[in-house]
């Protein structure tokens, strides 16, 4: 049986209520992306399955944090 990389997070992706250091937040998202996870269990948005879906979600969080 092949093991899949899984990431479990809680309240990581709430840009509208970001009350922490933005630079640290963006660095954390980049680190999550670098894990190349097959599954992301995110506390508020559910479970994302497959590397492309996980990466797309994390990229959407990065884009939202960077703003227009």
Protein backbone atom coordinates (compact mmCIF):
# COMPACT_ATOMS: atom_id res chain seq x y z
CA UNK A 1 0.00 0.00 0.00
CA UNK A 2 1.38 3.38 -1.02
CA UNK A 3 0.99 6.18 1.51
CA UNK A 4 -0.27 9.58 0.36
CA UNK A 5 1.02 12.85 1.84
CA UNK A 6 -1.77 14.40 3.90
CA UNK A 7 -1.86 17.90 5.40
CA UNK A 8 -4.29 18.82 8.18
CA UNK A 9 -4.80 22.51 8.97
CA UNK A 10 -7.12 24.64 11.07
CA UNK A 11 -8.05 28.26 10.41
CA UNK A 12 -5.17 28.80 8.04
CA UNK A 13 -7.13 30.22 5.13
CA UNK A 14 -9.20 33.09 6.51
CA UNK A 15 -7.65 36.09 4.77
CA UNK A 16 -10.50 38.46 5.56
CA UNK A 17 -9.81 38.03 9.27
CA UNK A 18 -6.05 37.91 9.05
CA UNK A 19 -4.76 39.25 12.35
CA UNK A 20 -1.23 37.97 12.12
CA UNK A 21 1.95 38.84 10.29
CA UNK A 22 1.14 38.79 6.56
CA UNK A 23 4.70 37.85 5.62
CA UNK A 24 4.62 34.83 7.94
CA UNK A 25 1.17 33.87 6.63
CA UNK A 26 2.37 33.92 3.02
CA UNK A 27 5.49 31.94 3.95
CA UNK A 28 3.30 29.33 5.66
CA UNK A 29 1.17 28.96 2.54
CA UNK A 30 4.32 28.53 0.45
CA UNK A 31 5.54 25.83 2.84
CA UNK A 32 2.18 24.05 2.60
CA UNK A 33 2.39 24.20 -1.18
CA UNK A 34 5.93 22.75 -1.10
CA UNK A 35 4.65 19.67 0.75
CA UNK A 36 2.98 18.61 -2.52
CA UNK A 37 0.20 16.92 -0.56
CA UNK A 38 -2.30 14.53 -2.11
CA UNK A 39 -4.92 15.39 0.51
CA UNK A 40 -5.60 18.61 2.43
CA UNK A 41 -7.97 18.47 5.40
CA UNK A 42 -8.80 22.12 6.01
CA UNK A 43 -10.79 22.98 9.12
CA UNK A 44 -13.38 25.25 7.50
CA UNK A 45 -13.44 24.37 3.80
CA UNK A 46 -13.45 20.58 3.93
CA UNK A 47 -11.23 17.94 2.40
CA UNK A 48 -9.43 18.47 -0.89
CA UNK A 49 -8.22 15.38 -2.75
CA UNK A 50 -5.51 15.17 -5.43
CA UNK A 51 -2.35 17.22 -5.82
CA UNK A 52 -3.82 19.61 -8.44
CA UNK A 53 -6.91 20.35 -6.32
CA UNK A 54 -4.84 20.93 -3.17
CA UNK A 55 -2.40 23.19 -5.04
CA UNK A 56 -5.24 25.16 -6.67
CA UNK A 57 -6.83 25.83 -3.27
CA UNK A 58 -3.55 26.97 -1.70
CA UNK A 59 -2.82 29.17 -4.73
CA UNK A 60 -6.27 30.74 -4.37
CA UNK A 61 -5.42 31.58 -0.74
CA UNK A 62 -2.10 33.08 -1.79
CA UNK A 63 -3.80 35.18 -4.46
CA UNK A 64 -6.46 36.36 -2.01
CA UNK A 65 -3.80 37.36 0.52
CA UNK A 66 -1.79 39.25 -2.08
CA UNK A 67 -4.87 41.15 -3.23
CA UNK A 68 -5.43 42.93 -6.53
